[in-house]
Amino acid sequence: MIKIIIERRIMPGLEEEYEQAARDVMRQVQGVTGFAGGESLIESENSNRRLVITQWRDLRAWKDWRDSSARRQVLQKMLPLLTEDEHVRMFKHSY
């Protein structure tokens, strides 16, 4: 299993639009082969900073989703709401 950490910074005032777009992404990813779950977090002192943590069966499953037309389509609504490109990092168990 691997975890993908995505950090996003939202333009002030567009939090509701972001939340809707994030829900759309989560609906799309639910049925993707290799997706094992995820959560979305709001930074406690800055509601414009979000962290998405997803768990995947393996790196191939994540890359298939990352490069899919389905992800590109749902991100078209989200990316204009961000102040900068999302930052994506991959983590694996150390044992």
PDB file of N, CA and C in Angstrom:
ATOM      1  N   MET A   1       0.834  -1.185   0.000  1.00  0.00           N
ATOM      2  CA  MET A   1       0.000   0.000   0.000  1.00  0.00           C
ATOM      3  C   MET A   1       0.880   1.250   0.000  1.00  0.00           C
ATOM      4  N   ILE A   2       0.392   2.269  -0.660  1.00  0.00           N
ATOM      5  CA  ILE A   2       1.061   3.566  -0.639  1.00  0.00           C
ATOM      6  C   ILE A   2       0.038   4.635  -0.269  1.00  0.00           C
ATOM      7  N   LYS A   3       0.542   5.761   0.181  1.00  0.00           N
ATOM      8  CA  LYS A   3      -0.318   6.910   0.449  1.00  0.00           C
ATOM      9  C   LYS A   3       0.150   8.067  -0.410  1.00  0.00           C
ATOM     10  N   ILE A   4      -0.828   8.757  -0.972  1.00  0.00           N
ATOM     11  CA  ILE A   4      -0.563   9.944  -1.771  1.00  0.00           C
ATOM     12  C   ILE A   4      -1.061  11.138  -0.977  1.00  0.00           C
ATOM     13  N   ILE A   5      -0.190  12.105  -0.785  1.00  0.00           N
ATOM     14  CA  ILE A   5      -0.518  13.329  -0.052  1.00  0.00           C
ATOM     15  C   ILE A   5      -0.562  14.466  -1.064  1.00  0.00           C
ATOM     16  N   ILE A   6      -1.718  15.130  -1.135  1.00  0.00           N
ATOM     17  CA  ILE A   6      -1.882  16.247  -2.068  1.00  0.00           C
ATOM     18  C   ILE A   6      -2.193  17.497  -1.254  1.00  0.00           C
ATOM     19  N   GLU A   7      -1.365  18.513  -1.414  1.00  0.00           N
ATOM     20  CA  GLU A   7      -1.592  19.791  -0.729  1.00  0.00           C
ATOM     21  C   GLU A   7      -2.092  20.800  -1.742  1.00  0.00           C
ATOM     22  N   ARG A   8      -3.169  21.490  -1.364  1.00  0.00           N
ATOM     23  CA  ARG A   8      -3.752  22.501  -2.239  1.00  0.00           C
ATOM     24  C   ARG A   8      -3.981  23.794  -1.462  1.00  0.00           C
ATOM     25  N   ARG A   9      -3.813  24.905  -2.167  1.00  0.00           N
ATOM     26  CA  ARG A   9      -4.103  26.229  -1.604  1.00  0.00           C
ATOM     27  C   ARG A   9      -5.217  26.844  -2.443  1.00  0.00           C
ATOM     28  N   ILE A  10      -6.295  27.195  -1.774  1.00  0.00           N
ATOM     29  CA  ILE A  10      -7.496  27.680  -2.450  1.00  0.00           C
ATOM     30  C   ILE A  10      -7.525  29.202  -2.418  1.00  0.00           C
ATOM     31  N   MET A  11      -8.012  29.781  -3.510  1.00  0.00           N
ATOM     32  CA  MET A  11      -8.183  31.238  -3.535  1.00  0.00           C
ATOM     33  C   MET A  11      -9.208  31.637  -2.473  1.00  0.00           C
ATOM     34  N   PRO A  12      -8.926  32.687  -1.713  1.00  0.00           N
ATOM     35  CA  PRO A  12      -9.870  33.140  -0.703  1.00  0.00           C
ATOM     36  C   PRO A  12     -11.244  33.408  -1.304  1.00  0.00           C
ATOM     37  N   GLY A  13     -12.267  32.954  -0.592  1.00  0.00           N
ATOM     38  CA  GLY A  13     -13.636  33.167  -1.036  1.00  0.00           C
ATOM     39  C   GLY A  13     -14.189  32.069  -1.924  1.00  0.00           C
ATOM     40  N   LEU A  14     -13.352  31.116  -2.322  1.00  0.00           N
ATOM     41  CA  LEU A  14     -13.800  30.053  -3.219  1.00  0.00           C
ATOM     42  C   LEU A  14     -13.854  28.685  -2.520  1.00  0.00           C
ATOM     43  N   GLU A  15     -13.936  28.708  -1.200  1.00  0.00           N
ATOM     44  CA  GLU A  15     -13.938  27.458  -0.439  1.00  0.00           C
ATOM     45  C   GLU A  15     -15.128  26.562  -0.786  1.00  0.00           C
ATOM     46  N   GLU A  16     -16.314  27.130  -0.913  1.00  0.00           N
ATOM     47  CA  GLU A  16     -17.500  26.327  -1.222  1.00  0.00           C
ATOM     48  C   GLU A  16     -17.379  25.676  -2.596  1.00  0.00           C
ATOM     49  N   GLU A  17     -16.896  26.422  -3.570  1.00  0.00           N
ATOM     50  CA  GLU A  17     -16.708  25.865  -4.911  1.00  0.00           C
ATOM     51  C   GLU A  17     -15.679  24.740  -4.887  1.00  0.00           C
ATOM     52  N   TYR A  18     -14.618  24.936  -4.099  1.00  0.00           N
ATOM     53  CA  TYR A  18     -13.602  23.895  -3.965  1.00  0.00           C
ATOM     54  C   TYR A  18     -14.215  22.633  -3.344  1.00  0.00           C
ATOM     55  N   GLU A  19     -14.990  22.807  -2.291  1.00  0.00           N
ATOM     56  CA  GLU A  19     -15.599  21.647  -1.617  1.00  0.00           C
ATOM     57  C   GLU A  19     -16.452  20.840  -2.588  1.00  0.00           C
ATOM     58  N   GLN A  20     -17.208  21.509  -3.431  1.00  0.00           N
ATOM     59  CA  GLN A  20     -18.034  20.800  -4.415  1.00  0.00           C
ATOM     60  C   GLN A  20     -17.150  20.047  -5.409  1.00  0.00           C
ATOM     61  N   ALA A  21     -16.111  20.703  -5.893  1.00  0.00           N
ATOM     62  CA  ALA A  21     -15.195  20.054  -6.834  1.00  0.00           C
ATOM     63  C   ALA A  21     -14.485  18.869  -6.173  1.00  0.00           C
ATOM     64  N   ALA A  22     -14.096  19.018  -4.909  1.00  0.00           N
ATOM     65  CA  ALA A  22     -13.427  17.925  -4.193  1.00  0.00           C
ATOM     66  C   ALA A  22     -14.375  16.737  -4.013  1.00  0.00           C
ATOM     67  N   ARG A  23     -15.638  17.005  -3.740  1.00  0.00           N
ATOM     68  CA  ARG A  23     -16.622  15.915  -3.638  1.00  0.00           C
ATOM     69  C   ARG A  23     -16.771  15.200  -4.977  1.00  0.00           C
ATOM     70  N   ASP A  24     -16.760  15.948  -6.056  1.00  0.00           N
ATOM     71  CA  ASP A  24     -16.842  15.344  -7.387  1.00  0.00           C
ATOM     72  C   ASP A  24     -15.658  14.416  -7.646  1.00  0.00           C
ATOM     73  N   VAL A  25     -14.463  14.853  -7.258  1.00  0.00           N
ATOM     74  CA  VAL A  25     -13.272  14.016  -7.435  1.00  0.00           C
ATOM     75  C   VAL A  25     -13.420  12.739  -6.608  1.00  0.00           C
ATOM     76  N   MET A  26     -13.852  12.863  -5.360  1.00  0.00           N
ATOM     77  CA  MET A  26     -13.993  11.680  -4.502  1.00  0.00           C
ATOM     78  C   MET A  26     -15.040  10.712  -5.051  1.00  0.00           C
ATOM     79  N   ARG A  27     -16.113  11.220  -5.617  1.00  0.00           N
ATOM     80  CA  ARG A  27     -17.115  10.333  -6.225  1.00  0.00           C
ATOM     81  C   ARG A  27     -16.511   9.563  -7.391  1.00  0.00           C
ATOM     82  N   GLN A  28     -15.707  10.231  -8.191  1.00  0.00           N
ATOM     83  CA  GLN A  28     -15.085   9.591  -9.346  1.00  0.00           C
ATOM     84  C   GLN A  28     -14.086   8.514  -8.933  1.00  0.00           C
ATOM     85  N   VAL A  29     -13.300   8.785  -7.902  1.00  0.00           N
ATOM     86  CA  VAL A  29     -12.227   7.873  -7.532  1.00  0.00           C
ATOM     87  C   VAL A  29     -12.736   6.642  -6.772  1.00  0.00           C
ATOM     88  N   GLN A  30     -13.929   6.714  -6.214  1.00  0.00           N
ATOM     89  CA  GLN A  30     -14.451   5.603  -5.409  1.00  0.00           C
ATOM     90  C   GLN A  30     -14.415   4.262  -6.142  1.00  0.00           C
ATOM     91  N   GLY A  31     -14.726   4.246  -7.411  1.00  0.00           N
ATOM     92  CA  GLY A  31     -14.782   2.987  -8.135  1.00  0.00           C
ATOM     93  C   GLY A  31     -13.511   2.603  -8.864  1.00  0.00           C
ATOM     94  N   VAL A  32     -12.444   3.344  -8.666  1.00  0.00           N
ATOM     95  CA  VAL A  32     -11.200   3.103  -9.394  1.00  0.00           C
ATOM     96  C   VAL A  32     -10.463   1.910  -8.790  1.00  0.00           C
ATOM     97  N   THR A  33     -10.032   1.008  -9.657  1.00  0.00           N
ATOM     98  CA  THR A  33      -9.278  -0.167  -9.215  1.00  0.00           C
ATOM     99  C   THR A  33      -8.010   0.259  -8.493  1.00  0.00           C
ATOM    100  N   GLY A  34      -7.805  -0.265  -7.308  1.00  0.00           N
ATOM    101  CA  GLY A  34      -6.610   0.031  -6.528  1.00  0.00           C
ATOM    102  C   GLY A  34      -6.783   1.135  -5.508  1.00  0.00           C
ATOM    103  N   PHE A  35      -7.893   1.880  -5.567  1.00  0.00           N
ATOM    104  CA  PHE A  35      -8.147   2.935  -4.583  1.00  0.00           C
ATOM    105  C   PHE A  35      -8.641   2.282  -3.296  1.00  0.00           C
ATOM    106  N   ALA A  36      -7.994   2.603  -2.175  1.00  0.00           N
ATOM    107  CA  ALA A  36      -8.331   1.959  -0.909  1.00  0.00           C
ATOM    108  C   ALA A  36      -8.934   2.914   0.115  1.00  0.00           C
ATOM    109  N   GLY A  37      -9.072   4.188  -0.206  1.00  0.00           N
ATOM    110  CA  GLY A  37      -9.689   5.133   0.723  1.00  0.00           C
ATOM    111  C   GLY A  37      -8.970   6.466   0.739  1.00  0.00           C
ATOM    112  N   GLY A  38      -9.591   7.405   1.422  1.00  0.00           N
ATOM    113  CA  GLY A  38      -8.979   8.722   1.493  1.00  0.00           C
ATOM    114  C   GLY A  38      -9.695   9.637   2.459  1.00  0.00           C
ATOM    115  N   GLU A  39      -9.057  10.754   2.728  1.00  0.00           N
ATOM    116  CA  GLU A  39      -9.642  11.774   3.589  1.00  0.00           C
ATOM    117  C   GLU A  39      -9.175  13.142   3.144  1.00  0.00           C
ATOM    118  N   SER A  40      -9.972  14.148   3.464  1.00  0.00           N
ATOM    119  CA  SER A  40      -9.658  15.523   3.115  1.00  0.00           C
ATOM    120  C   SER A  40      -9.614  16.333   4.405  1.00  0.00           C
ATOM    121  N   LEU A  41      -8.556  17.098   4.579  1.00  0.00           N
ATOM    122  CA  LEU A  41      -8.345  17.860   5.804  1.00  0.00           C
ATOM    123  C   LEU A  41      -8.219  19.344   5.496  1.00  0.00           C
ATOM    124  N   ILE A  42      -8.690  20.165   6.431  1.00  0.00           N
ATOM    125  CA  ILE A  42      -8.572  21.624   6.354  1.00  0.00           C
ATOM    126  C   ILE A  42      -7.581  22.053   7.423  1.00  0.00           C
ATOM    127  N   GLU A  43      -6.610  22.870   7.040  1.00  0.00           N
ATOM    128  CA  GLU A  43      -5.654  23.357   8.040  1.00  0.00           C
ATOM    129  C   GLU A  43      -6.407  24.166   9.089  1.00  0.00           C
ATOM    130  N   SER A  44      -6.134  23.898  10.356  1.00  0.00           N
ATOM    131  CA  SER A  44      -6.924  24.489  11.433  1.00  0.00           C
ATOM    132  C   SER A  44      -6.828  26.008  11.508  1.00  0.00           C
ATOM    133  N   GLU A  45      -5.721  26.587  11.108  1.00  0.00           N
ATOM    134  CA  GLU A  45      -5.578  28.033  11.231  1.00  0.00           C
ATOM    135  C   GLU A  45      -5.612  28.755   9.890  1.00  0.00           C
ATOM    136  N   ASN A  46      -5.861  28.004   8.813  1.00  0.00           N
ATOM    137  CA  ASN A  46      -5.903  28.623   7.485  1.00  0.00           C
ATOM    138  C   ASN A  46      -6.815  27.773   6.604  1.00  0.00           C
ATOM    139  N   SER A  47      -8.078  28.164   6.488  1.00  0.00           N
ATOM    140  CA  SER A  47      -9.052  27.349   5.765  1.00  0.00           C
ATOM    141  C   SER A  47      -8.800  27.298   4.255  1.00  0.00           C
ATOM    142  N   ASN A  48      -7.848  28.062   3.770  1.00  0.00           N
ATOM    143  CA  ASN A  48      -7.516  28.021   2.346  1.00  0.00           C
ATOM    144  C   ASN A  48      -6.478  26.950   2.023  1.00  0.00           C
ATOM    145  N   ARG A  49      -5.956  26.279   3.039  1.00  0.00           N
ATOM    146  CA  ARG A  49      -4.981  25.211   2.816  1.00  0.00           C
ATOM    147  C   ARG A  49      -5.646  23.875   3.094  1.00  0.00           C
ATOM    148  N   ARG A  50      -5.556  22.976   2.113  1.00  0.00           N
ATOM    149  CA  ARG A  50      -6.196  21.660   2.225  1.00  0.00           C
ATOM    150  C   ARG A  50      -5.168  20.570   1.998  1.00  0.00           C
ATOM    151  N   LEU A  51      -5.408  19.455   2.631  1.00  0.00           N
ATOM    152  CA  LEU A  51      -4.566  18.291   2.488  1.00  0.00           C
ATOM    153  C   LEU A  51      -5.467  17.106   2.173  1.00  0.00           C
ATOM    154  N   VAL A  52      -5.149  16.394   1.125  1.00  0.00           N
ATOM    155  CA  VAL A  52      -5.891  15.195   0.742  1.00  0.00           C
ATOM    156  C   VAL A  52      -4.938  14.016   0.893  1.00  0.00           C
ATOM    157  N   ILE A  53      -5.381  13.007   1.628  1.00  0.00           N
ATOM    158  CA  ILE A  53      -4.572  11.807   1.835  1.00  0.00           C
ATOM    159  C   ILE A  53      -5.354  10.639   1.266  1.00  0.00           C
ATOM    160  N   THR A  54      -4.775   9.983   0.265  1.00  0.00           N
ATOM    161  CA  THR A  54      -5.427   8.814  -0.318  1.00  0.00           C
ATOM    162  C   THR A  54      -4.516   7.606  -0.184  1.00  0.00           C
ATOM    163  N   GLN A  55      -5.140   6.444  -0.102  1.00  0.00           N
ATOM    164  CA  GLN A  55      -4.394   5.198  -0.002  1.00  0.00           C
ATOM    165  C   GLN A  55      -4.676   4.366  -1.246  1.00  0.00           C
ATOM    166  N   TRP A  56      -3.602   3.786  -1.793  1.00  0.00           N
ATOM    167  CA  TRP A  56      -3.678   3.020  -3.037  1.00  0.00           C
ATOM    168  C   TRP A  56      -3.011   1.669  -2.862  1.00  0.00           C
ATOM    169  N   ARG A  57      -3.482   0.698  -3.622  1.00  0.00           N
ATOM    170  CA  ARG A  57      -2.921  -0.653  -3.581  1.00  0.00           C
ATOM    171  C   ARG A  57      -1.429  -0.626  -3.910  1.00  0.00           C
ATOM    172  N   ASP A  58      -1.070   0.144  -4.932  1.00  0.00           N
ATOM    173  CA  ASP A  58       0.327   0.232  -5.356  1.00  0.00           C
ATOM    174  C   ASP A  58       0.511   1.479  -6.220  1.00  0.00           C
ATOM    175  N   LEU A  59       1.761   1.727  -6.579  1.00  0.00           N
ATOM    176  CA  LEU A  59       2.089   2.920  -7.363  1.00  0.00           C
ATOM    177  C   LEU A  59       1.430   2.882  -8.735  1.00  0.00           C
ATOM    178  N   ARG A  60       1.333   1.712  -9.341  1.00  0.00           N
ATOM    179  CA  ARG A  60       0.710   1.587 -10.668  1.00  0.00           C
ATOM    180  C   ARG A  60      -0.747   2.038 -10.627  1.00  0.00           C
ATOM    181  N   ALA A  61      -1.491   1.670  -9.582  1.00  0.00           N
ATOM    182  CA  ALA A  61      -2.896   2.075  -9.457  1.00  0.00           C
ATOM    183  C   ALA A  61      -3.004   3.601  -9.355  1.00  0.00           C
ATOM    184  N   TRP A  62      -2.142   4.213  -8.540  1.00  0.00           N
ATOM    185  CA  TRP A  62      -2.153   5.677  -8.419  1.00  0.00           C
ATOM    186  C   TRP A  62      -1.841   6.329  -9.758  1.00  0.00           C
ATOM    187  N   LYS A  63      -0.794   5.858 -10.422  1.00  0.00           N
ATOM    188  CA  LYS A  63      -0.410   6.467 -11.697  1.00  0.00           C
ATOM    189  C   LYS A  63      -1.506   6.315 -12.743  1.00  0.00           C
ATOM    190  N   ASP A  64      -2.193   5.188 -12.742  1.00  0.00           N
ATOM    191  CA  ASP A  64      -3.302   5.003 -13.680  1.00  0.00           C
ATOM    192  C   ASP A  64      -4.386   6.049 -13.437  1.00  0.00           C
ATOM    193  N   TRP A  65      -4.716   6.297 -12.167  1.00  0.00           N
ATOM    194  CA  TRP A  65      -5.713   7.320 -11.839  1.00  0.00           C
ATOM    195  C   TRP A  65      -5.180   8.718 -12.140  1.00  0.00           C
ATOM    196  N   ARG A  66      -3.950   8.970 -11.721  1.00  0.00           N
ATOM    197  CA  ARG A  66      -3.347  10.293 -11.923  1.00  0.00           C
ATOM    198  C   ARG A  66      -3.350  10.697 -13.396  1.00  0.00           C
ATOM    199  N   ASP A  67      -3.108   9.761 -14.270  1.00  0.00           N
ATOM    200  CA  ASP A  67      -2.991  10.044 -15.693  1.00  0.00           C
ATOM    201  C   ASP A  67      -4.293   9.834 -16.463  1.00  0.00           C
ATOM    202  N   SER A  68      -5.365   9.513 -15.771  1.00  0.00           N
ATOM    203  CA  SER A  68      -6.621   9.174 -16.445  1.00  0.00           C
ATOM    204  C   SER A  68      -7.369  10.410 -16.945  1.00  0.00           C
ATOM    205  N   SER A  69      -8.148  10.204 -17.981  1.00  0.00           N
ATOM    206  CA  SER A  69      -8.988  11.288 -18.495  1.00  0.00           C
ATOM    207  C   SER A  69     -10.077  11.632 -17.484  1.00  0.00           C
ATOM    208  N   ALA A  70     -10.528  10.664 -16.693  1.00  0.00           N
ATOM    209  CA  ALA A  70     -11.542  10.935 -15.670  1.00  0.00           C
ATOM    210  C   ALA A  70     -11.022  11.927 -14.634  1.00  0.00           C
ATOM    211  N   ARG A  71      -9.779  11.749 -14.175  1.00  0.00           N
ATOM    212  CA  ARG A  71      -9.202  12.683 -13.202  1.00  0.00           C
ATOM    213  C   ARG A  71      -8.999  14.052 -13.841  1.00  0.00           C
ATOM    214  N   ARG A  72      -8.480  14.077 -15.054  1.00  0.00           N
ATOM    215  CA  ARG A  72      -8.281  15.369 -15.736  1.00  0.00           C
ATOM    216  C   ARG A  72      -9.599  16.122 -15.844  1.00  0.00           C
ATOM    217  N   GLN A  73     -10.665  15.408 -16.150  1.00  0.00           N
ATOM    218  CA  GLN A  73     -11.972  16.045 -16.325  1.00  0.00           C
ATOM    219  C   GLN A  73     -12.466  16.674 -15.023  1.00  0.00           C
ATOM    220  N   VAL A  74     -12.395  15.937 -13.912  1.00  0.00           N
ATOM    221  CA  VAL A  74     -12.895  16.505 -12.654  1.00  0.00           C
ATOM    222  C   VAL A  74     -11.968  17.598 -12.133  1.00  0.00           C
ATOM    223  N   LEU A  75     -10.668  17.503 -12.434  1.00  0.00           N
ATOM    224  CA  LEU A  75      -9.745  18.548 -11.984  1.00  0.00           C
ATOM    225  C   LEU A  75      -9.896  19.845 -12.763  1.00  0.00           C
ATOM    226  N   GLN A  76     -10.491  19.789 -13.946  1.00  0.00           N
ATOM    227  CA  GLN A  76     -10.709  21.021 -14.714  1.00  0.00           C
ATOM    228  C   GLN A  76     -11.547  22.023 -13.928  1.00  0.00           C
ATOM    229  N   LYS A  77     -12.442  21.520 -13.080  1.00  0.00           N
ATOM    230  CA  LYS A  77     -13.269  22.405 -12.261  1.00  0.00           C
ATOM    231  C   LYS A  77     -12.509  22.903 -11.035  1.00  0.00           C
ATOM    232  N   MET A  78     -11.561  22.099 -10.559  1.00  0.00           N
ATOM    233  CA  MET A  78     -10.870  22.435  -9.322  1.00  0.00           C
ATOM    234  C   MET A  78      -9.655  23.332  -9.536  1.00  0.00           C
ATOM    235  N   LEU A  79      -8.866  23.053 -10.519  1.00  0.00           N
ATOM    236  CA  LEU A  79      -7.600  23.766 -10.683  1.00  0.00           C
ATOM    237  C   LEU A  79      -7.736  25.281 -10.787  1.00  0.00           C
ATOM    238  N   PRO A  80      -8.786  25.819 -11.438  1.00  0.00           N
ATOM    239  CA  PRO A  80      -8.918  27.277 -11.471  1.00  0.00           C
ATOM    240  C   PRO A  80      -9.204  27.903 -10.096  1.00  0.00           C
ATOM    241  N   LEU A  81      -9.551  27.087  -9.116  1.00  0.00           N
ATOM    242  CA  LEU A  81      -9.848  27.582  -7.774  1.00  0.00           C
ATOM    243  C   LEU A  81      -8.607  27.681  -6.901  1.00  0.00           C
ATOM    244  N   LEU A  82      -7.482  27.182  -7.406  1.00  0.00           N
ATOM    245  CA  LEU A  82      -6.255  27.126  -6.620  1.00  0.00           C
ATOM    246  C   LEU A  82      -5.352  28.317  -6.912  1.00  0.00           C
ATOM    247  N   THR A  83      -4.571  28.711  -5.913  1.00  0.00           N
ATOM    248  CA  THR A  83      -3.637  29.821  -6.086  1.00  0.00           C
ATOM    249  C   THR A  83      -2.325  29.370  -6.716  1.00  0.00           C
ATOM    250  N   GLU A  84      -2.088  28.049  -6.711  1.00  0.00           N
ATOM    251  CA  GLU A  84      -0.869  27.483  -7.294  1.00  0.00           C
ATOM    252  C   GLU A  84      -1.136  26.023  -7.624  1.00  0.00           C
ATOM    253  N   ASP A  85      -0.214  25.409  -8.334  1.00  0.00           N
ATOM    254  CA  ASP A  85      -0.367  23.994  -8.650  1.00  0.00           C
ATOM    255  C   ASP A  85      -0.406  23.165  -7.368  1.00  0.00           C
ATOM    256  N   GLU A  86      -1.165  22.077  -7.396  1.00  0.00           N
ATOM    257  CA  GLU A  86      -1.192  21.190  -6.248  1.00  0.00           C
ATOM    258  C   GLU A  86       0.169  20.517  -6.092  1.00  0.00           C
ATOM    259  N   HIS A  87       0.518  20.191  -4.847  1.00  0.00           N
ATOM    260  CA  HIS A  87       1.772  19.507  -4.548  1.00  0.00           C
ATOM    261  C   HIS A  87       1.434  18.071  -4.178  1.00  0.00           C
ATOM    262  N   VAL A  88       1.994  17.119  -4.918  1.00  0.00           N
ATOM    263  CA  VAL A  88       1.688  15.705  -4.715  1.00  0.00           C
ATOM    264  C   VAL A  88       2.951  14.985  -4.261  1.00  0.00           C
ATOM    265  N   ARG A  89       2.795  14.211  -3.183  1.00  0.00           N
ATOM    266  CA  ARG A  89       3.906  13.398  -2.683  1.00  0.00           C
ATOM    267  C   ARG A  89       3.424  11.978  -2.431  1.00  0.00           C
ATOM    268  N   MET A  90       4.305  11.005  -2.620  1.00  0.00           N
ATOM    269  CA  MET A  90       3.971   9.610  -2.412  1.00  0.00           C
ATOM    270  C   MET A  90       4.784   9.074  -1.234  1.00  0.00           C
ATOM    271  N   PHE A  91       4.099   8.340  -0.368  1.00  0.00           N
ATOM    272  CA  PHE A  91       4.750   7.729   0.785  1.00  0.00           C
ATOM    273  C   PHE A  91       4.455   6.237   0.800  1.00  0.00           C
ATOM    274  N   LYS A  92       5.430   5.465   1.258  1.00  0.00           N
ATOM    275  CA  LYS A  92       5.231   4.030   1.410  1.00  0.00           C
ATOM    276  C   LYS A  92       5.664   3.635   2.815  1.00  0.00           C
ATOM    277  N   HIS A  93       5.243   2.467   3.257  1.00  0.00           N
ATOM    278  CA  HIS A  93       5.619   1.989   4.581  1.00  0.00           C
ATOM    279  C   HIS A  93       7.130   1.764   4.637  1.00  0.00           C
ATOM    280  N   SER A  94       7.692   2.045   5.765  1.00  0.00           N
ATOM    281  CA  SER A  94       9.135   1.924   5.916  1.00  0.00           C
ATOM    282  C   SER A  94       9.558   0.539   6.412  1.00  0.00           C
ATOM    283  N   TYR A  95       8.621  -0.298   6.683  1.00  0.00           N
ATOM    284  CA  TYR A  95       8.954  -1.645   7.171  1.00  0.00           C
ATOM    285  C   TYR A  95       8.578  -2.695   6.173  1.00  0.00           C
TER     286      TYR A  95
END
